[in-house]
Amino acid sequence: MKDSLAVRRSKLQIFATHAVLILISAAILFPLIWMVFVSMKPKMEIFSSPYSLIPSSPGLDNFSTAWGYAPFGKYYLNTIVIVFGLLAIQLVTVTMAAFAFARLKFPGKDILFMLFLTQLMITAQSTIYPNYMTISRLRLLDTRIGVMLPYMTSAMGIFLLRQAFMVIPSSLEDAARIDGCSTLQMIWHVFIAQVKPSLVAFSIMSVTSHWNEFLWPLLVTESTYSRPLTVGLTVFAQQAEGGAEWGLLMAATLIVSLPLLIAFIFFQKMFVESFVSSGVKG
C-alpha cells in the first residue's frame, strides 16, 4: 500500500514538474511565435485585427521588402567576418594563456592569474570610453578590426580552459615530451584533444555573445561597410517606425535572429552535451 502511494506521489510530482516546464516554455516561446505570425501578415491586417494571432492570408512579402529595404546581405557579411574572425583569434589567445596558467611555472603566476580574472568583475560598458579613445587614436573607427579589437581574448575562456587543462594527467604531457613533441605539438595533440567539450562550450558562448553585441558596434561603426546585423536592424527600425511598419520590423528581426535559431534547432544536443561535459573542475 505504501509503495503504491509512493508511486502515485512520484507520478504526480513528475506531472506537476512537466506542467510547470511546459507553461514556462510556452511563455518564453510566445513572443517568438507572435513575431513570426506578425511578420507574415499584410500591413492592413495587422491594424484591422491586432489581437488575432494566425494571419488570414500569410505571405513572405514582408521578408522580401525588408531584405531590399536595407543592405542585410552586407550586414550579414560583416557579422560573419567579425564573429568568426573573433572566434578564431580567441581560440588561439585563450588556449595559449590557459596552457601557460595551467601547466607552466613562472614567478608570480598565481597573483597574475588572480589579477587577470578581475576582468570578469569589470563590465564591458565601463571600459567603453578608454576603448573608444584607443580605437580612435589607432584610426580604426568604422572598421571591422575596430569592432573586434577589444574582444580578441576572453578572461572567461581562459578560466574555463585553464580548469580543463589542470585535470589532464601529467603522464600524458611526459609521454608527449618523450616522443619528441614540441610545446605547440603537445598543446594540439594532447591538451586540445582532451578539452574539446570545453572548446565547444566557449565557442558557443563567444558566437552567441558577439552575434548579439550591440552597444560597442553602434559606437564605432558609421557606415554600411562595417555595421553588423544588430546595428543595421536599429538603423532599419528608425527608418521604418515613421510608417509604423510592424510587419517589416518583425520580418527584419527574424532575418537577424534566424541563423542562431536554426543553429540551436540543429545542434541543441551538442549545445547541451558541451556545457554538461565542460563543468568547471579543479
Protein backbone atom coordinates (compact mmCIF):
# COMPACT_ATOMS: atom_id res chain seq x y z
CA MET A 1 0.00 0.00 0.00
CA LYS A 2 2.79 2.40 0.96
CA ASP A 3 4.70 1.54 -2.24
CA SER A 4 1.60 2.25 -4.33
CA LEU A 5 1.12 5.61 -2.62
CA ALA A 6 4.77 6.49 -3.15
CA VAL A 7 4.50 5.63 -6.85
CA ARG A 8 1.40 7.85 -7.18
CA ARG A 9 3.16 10.74 -5.47
CA SER A 10 6.17 10.29 -7.71
CA LYS A 11 3.99 10.32 -10.84
CA LEU A 12 2.13 13.37 -9.56
CA GLN A 13 5.40 15.20 -8.94
CA ILE A 14 6.64 14.31 -12.42
CA PHE A 15 3.36 15.51 -13.95
CA ALA A 16 3.49 18.78 -11.99
CA THR A 17 7.12 19.35 -12.99
CA HIS A 18 6.36 18.76 -16.66
CA ALA A 19 3.29 21.02 -16.49
CA VAL A 20 5.32 23.86 -14.98
CA LEU A 21 8.09 23.41 -17.57
CA ILE A 22 5.54 23.44 -20.40
CA LEU A 23 3.98 26.66 -19.09
CA ILE A 24 7.39 28.32 -18.76
CA SER A 25 8.39 27.17 -22.26
CA ALA A 26 5.12 28.49 -23.69
CA ALA A 27 5.68 31.88 -22.02
CA ILE A 28 9.21 32.06 -23.44
CA LEU A 29 8.23 30.93 -26.94
CA PHE A 30 5.07 33.04 -27.29
CA PRO A 31 6.87 36.31 -28.25
CA LEU A 32 8.83 34.44 -30.92
CA ILE A 33 5.67 32.78 -32.27
CA TRP A 34 3.86 36.12 -32.25
CA MET A 35 6.75 37.73 -34.13
CA VAL A 36 6.68 35.01 -36.79
CA PHE A 37 2.94 35.39 -37.38
CA VAL A 38 3.06 39.21 -37.45
CA SER A 39 5.90 39.11 -39.97
CA MET A 40 3.64 37.08 -42.28
CA LYS A 41 0.66 39.48 -42.04
CA PRO A 42 -0.09 42.25 -44.54
CA LYS A 43 0.05 45.75 -43.10
CA MET A 44 -3.72 46.29 -43.20
CA GLU A 45 -4.42 43.04 -41.35
CA ILE A 46 -2.03 43.94 -38.51
CA PHE A 47 -4.06 47.05 -37.67
CA SER A 48 -7.53 45.74 -38.55
CA SER A 49 -7.23 42.65 -36.31
CA PRO A 50 -4.36 43.31 -33.88
CA TYR A 51 -5.43 40.58 -31.42
CA SER A 52 -5.65 37.74 -33.93
CA LEU A 53 -2.57 35.55 -33.89
CA ILE A 54 -2.74 33.48 -37.06
CA PRO A 55 -2.81 35.56 -40.29
CA SER A 56 -5.76 35.01 -42.61
CA SER A 57 -3.58 35.29 -45.72
CA PRO A 58 0.05 34.56 -44.73
CA GLY A 59 2.82 35.59 -47.05
CA LEU A 60 6.53 36.34 -47.26
CA ASP A 61 6.23 39.80 -48.81
CA ASN A 62 7.48 41.50 -45.65
CA PHE A 63 10.70 39.47 -45.77
CA SER A 64 11.48 40.34 -49.39
CA THR A 65 10.61 44.01 -48.79
CA ALA A 66 12.74 44.20 -45.64
CA TRP A 67 15.67 42.49 -47.35
CA GLY A 68 15.53 45.01 -50.20
CA TYR A 69 14.90 47.97 -47.90
CA ALA A 70 18.28 47.64 -46.15
CA PRO A 71 21.61 46.05 -47.16
CA PHE A 72 21.16 42.99 -44.96
CA GLY A 73 23.49 41.00 -47.20
CA LYS A 74 26.35 43.36 -46.32
CA TYR A 75 25.32 43.31 -42.65
CA TYR A 76 25.41 39.50 -42.70
CA LEU A 77 28.88 39.50 -44.24
CA ASN A 78 30.17 41.97 -41.64
CA THR A 79 28.67 39.95 -38.79
CA ILE A 80 30.09 36.65 -40.04
CA VAL A 81 33.57 38.15 -40.51
CA ILE A 82 33.50 39.79 -37.06
CA VAL A 83 32.01 36.87 -35.14
CA PHE A 84 34.01 34.03 -36.64
CA GLY A 85 37.17 36.09 -37.02
CA LEU A 86 36.96 36.88 -33.31
CA LEU A 87 36.33 33.24 -32.50
CA ALA A 88 39.42 32.11 -34.44
CA ILE A 89 41.61 34.70 -32.69
CA GLN A 90 40.12 33.96 -29.27
CA LEU A 91 40.69 30.23 -29.59
CA VAL A 92 44.39 30.89 -30.13
CA THR A 93 44.87 33.51 -27.39
CA VAL A 94 42.67 31.71 -24.87
CA THR A 95 44.34 28.34 -25.43
CA MET A 96 47.87 29.73 -25.15
CA ALA A 97 47.11 31.73 -21.99
CA ALA A 98 45.20 28.87 -20.38
CA PHE A 99 48.08 26.47 -21.03
CA ALA A 100 50.57 28.91 -19.52
CA PHE A 101 48.49 29.41 -16.36
CA ALA A 102 47.72 25.69 -16.01
CA ARG A 103 50.99 23.91 -16.85
CA LEU A 104 53.92 26.34 -16.91
CA LYS A 105 55.83 27.59 -13.89
CA PHE A 106 56.95 31.20 -13.67
CA PRO A 107 57.26 33.75 -10.86
CA GLY A 108 54.01 35.41 -9.76
CA LYS A 109 51.81 33.07 -11.81
CA ASP A 110 49.01 32.80 -9.24
CA ILE A 111 48.97 36.53 -8.49
CA LEU A 112 48.97 37.36 -12.20
CA PHE A 113 46.12 34.91 -12.80
CA MET A 114 44.04 36.44 -9.99
CA LEU A 115 44.66 39.92 -11.39
CA PHE A 116 43.72 38.66 -14.84
CA LEU A 117 40.44 37.28 -13.51
CA THR A 118 39.43 40.72 -12.25
CA GLN A 119 38.34 41.32 -15.84
CA LEU A 120 35.35 39.10 -15.04
CA MET A 121 34.23 41.66 -12.43
CA ILE A 122 34.52 44.64 -14.80
CA THR A 123 31.55 45.21 -17.08
CA ALA A 124 32.24 45.84 -20.74
CA GLN A 125 30.30 49.12 -20.55
CA SER A 126 32.75 50.57 -18.00
CA THR A 127 35.64 50.28 -20.47
CA ILE A 128 33.83 51.76 -23.46
CA TYR A 129 35.39 55.23 -23.20
CA PRO A 130 39.07 54.15 -22.98
CA ASN A 131 38.48 51.52 -25.66
CA TYR A 132 36.84 54.10 -27.92
CA MET A 133 39.70 56.56 -27.45
CA THR A 134 42.22 53.81 -28.23
CA ILE A 135 40.39 52.75 -31.38
CA SER A 136 40.09 56.39 -32.44
CA ARG A 137 43.82 57.07 -31.98
CA LEU A 138 44.61 53.94 -33.95
CA ARG A 139 42.33 55.26 -36.72
CA LEU A 140 40.26 52.09 -36.67
CA LEU A 141 36.83 53.69 -36.29
CA ASP A 142 34.25 52.35 -38.74
CA THR A 143 36.29 49.21 -39.45
CA ARG A 144 35.71 45.57 -38.65
CA ILE A 145 39.06 45.41 -36.86
CA GLY A 146 37.91 48.27 -34.64
CA VAL A 147 34.84 46.27 -33.65
CA MET A 148 36.91 43.16 -32.96
CA LEU A 149 39.97 44.57 -31.21
CA PRO A 150 38.67 44.85 -27.59
CA TYR A 151 37.42 41.23 -27.64
CA MET A 152 40.41 39.37 -29.04
CA THR A 153 40.85 37.49 -25.78
CA SER A 154 38.47 36.36 -23.05
CA ALA A 155 39.04 36.02 -19.31
CA MET A 156 36.10 33.62 -19.07
CA GLY A 157 37.53 31.44 -21.82
CA ILE A 158 40.98 31.39 -20.22
CA PHE A 159 39.48 30.42 -16.86
CA LEU A 160 37.34 27.69 -18.43
CA LEU A 161 40.22 26.12 -20.37
CA ARG A 162 42.70 26.51 -17.51
CA GLN A 163 40.45 24.45 -15.28
CA ALA A 164 40.12 21.82 -18.01
CA PHE A 165 43.90 21.72 -18.64
CA MET A 166 44.69 21.32 -14.94
CA VAL A 167 42.90 17.96 -14.65
CA ILE A 168 44.76 16.38 -17.59
CA PRO A 169 47.21 13.79 -16.19
CA SER A 170 50.84 14.88 -16.25
CA SER A 171 51.73 11.43 -17.58
CA LEU A 172 50.25 12.40 -20.96
CA GLU A 173 52.41 15.50 -21.03
CA ASP A 174 55.50 13.49 -20.09
CA ALA A 175 54.78 10.90 -22.78
CA ALA A 176 54.42 13.62 -25.40
CA ARG A 177 57.74 15.16 -24.43
CA ILE A 178 59.46 11.76 -24.52
CA ASP A 179 58.08 11.24 -28.03
CA GLY A 180 59.77 14.46 -29.07
CA CYS A 181 56.74 16.75 -29.30
CA SER A 182 57.34 20.47 -29.17
CA THR A 183 55.20 22.60 -26.87
CA LEU A 184 52.84 23.59 -29.69
CA GLN A 185 52.54 19.98 -30.89
CA MET A 186 51.80 18.86 -27.34
CA ILE A 187 49.10 21.52 -26.94
CA TRP A 188 47.47 20.49 -30.21
CA HIS A 189 47.70 16.69 -29.95
CA VAL A 190 47.32 16.23 -26.20
CA PHE A 191 45.65 19.16 -24.48
CA ILE A 192 43.22 20.38 -27.12
CA ALA A 193 42.21 16.80 -27.91
CA GLN A 194 41.27 16.31 -24.24
CA VAL A 195 39.22 19.50 -23.80
CA LYS A 196 37.08 19.59 -26.95
CA PRO A 197 33.80 19.91 -24.95
CA SER A 198 35.18 22.98 -23.19
CA LEU A 199 36.25 24.47 -26.52
CA VAL A 200 32.79 23.85 -27.99
CA ALA A 201 31.14 25.43 -24.93
CA PHE A 202 33.35 28.51 -25.18
CA SER A 203 32.77 28.76 -28.94
CA ILE A 204 29.00 28.73 -28.40
CA MET A 205 29.26 31.48 -25.79
CA SER A 206 31.55 33.57 -27.99
CA VAL A 207 29.46 33.30 -31.17
CA THR A 208 26.19 33.99 -29.36
CA SER A 209 27.60 36.94 -27.42
CA HIS A 210 29.23 38.69 -30.36
CA TRP A 211 26.39 37.96 -32.78
CA ASN A 212 24.08 39.85 -30.38
CA GLU A 213 26.61 42.57 -29.46
CA PHE A 214 25.05 45.99 -29.96
CA LEU A 215 26.43 48.90 -27.93
CA TRP A 216 30.11 48.73 -28.92
CA PRO A 217 29.47 48.26 -32.70
CA LEU A 218 26.91 51.09 -32.52
CA LEU A 219 29.59 53.47 -31.20
CA VAL A 220 32.46 52.59 -33.53
CA THR A 221 30.64 52.00 -36.83
CA GLU A 222 29.19 54.71 -39.01
CA SER A 223 28.53 53.13 -42.39
CA THR A 224 27.28 50.01 -44.11
CA TYR A 225 30.91 48.99 -44.69
CA SER A 226 31.37 47.79 -41.11
CA ARG A 227 27.93 47.64 -39.46
CA PRO A 228 26.87 44.23 -38.12
CA LEU A 229 23.30 42.96 -38.15
CA THR A 230 22.30 44.33 -34.74
CA VAL A 231 23.24 47.90 -35.64
CA GLY A 232 21.79 47.52 -39.12
CA LEU A 233 18.49 46.41 -37.59
CA THR A 234 18.42 49.54 -35.42
CA VAL A 235 19.00 51.79 -38.44
CA PHE A 236 16.28 49.91 -40.29
CA ALA A 237 13.87 50.28 -37.35
CA GLN A 238 14.44 54.04 -37.15
CA GLN A 239 13.57 54.35 -40.81
CA ALA A 240 10.53 52.06 -40.61
CA GLU A 241 8.97 53.41 -37.42
CA GLY A 242 7.74 56.55 -39.15
CA GLY A 243 5.26 54.49 -41.14
CA ALA A 244 4.60 52.01 -38.31
CA GLU A 245 5.77 49.14 -40.50
CA TRP A 246 5.47 46.49 -37.81
CA GLY A 247 5.34 43.63 -40.29
CA LEU A 248 8.62 44.79 -41.81
CA LEU A 249 10.19 45.23 -38.38
CA MET A 250 9.24 41.72 -37.30
CA ALA A 251 10.49 40.29 -40.60
CA ALA A 252 13.80 42.14 -40.24
CA THR A 253 14.16 40.95 -36.65
CA LEU A 254 13.66 37.36 -37.79
CA ILE A 255 16.24 37.85 -40.54
CA VAL A 256 18.77 38.91 -37.90
CA SER A 257 17.99 36.16 -35.36
CA LEU A 258 17.26 33.30 -37.78
CA PRO A 259 20.82 31.91 -38.03
CA LEU A 260 21.10 31.46 -34.25
CA LEU A 261 17.64 29.87 -34.09
CA ILE A 262 18.47 27.42 -36.88
CA ALA A 263 21.83 26.61 -35.27
CA PHE A 264 20.15 25.89 -31.95
CA ILE A 265 17.48 23.67 -33.53
CA PHE A 266 20.01 21.53 -35.39
CA PHE A 267 22.77 21.49 -32.77
CA GLN A 268 20.84 21.68 -29.50
CA LYS A 269 22.04 18.22 -28.42
CA MET A 270 25.66 19.25 -28.97
CA PHE A 271 25.00 22.51 -27.10
CA VAL A 272 23.71 20.68 -24.02
CA GLU A 273 26.40 17.98 -24.10
CA SER A 274 29.21 20.53 -24.42
CA PHE A 275 28.08 22.53 -21.38
CA VAL A 276 27.48 19.38 -19.32
CA SER A 277 30.85 17.88 -20.26
CA SER A 278 32.75 21.12 -19.63
CA GLY A 279 31.82 21.55 -16.00
CA VAL A 280 34.44 23.55 -14.12
CA LYS A 281 36.78 21.28 -12.17
CA GLY A 282 39.86 21.66 -10.04
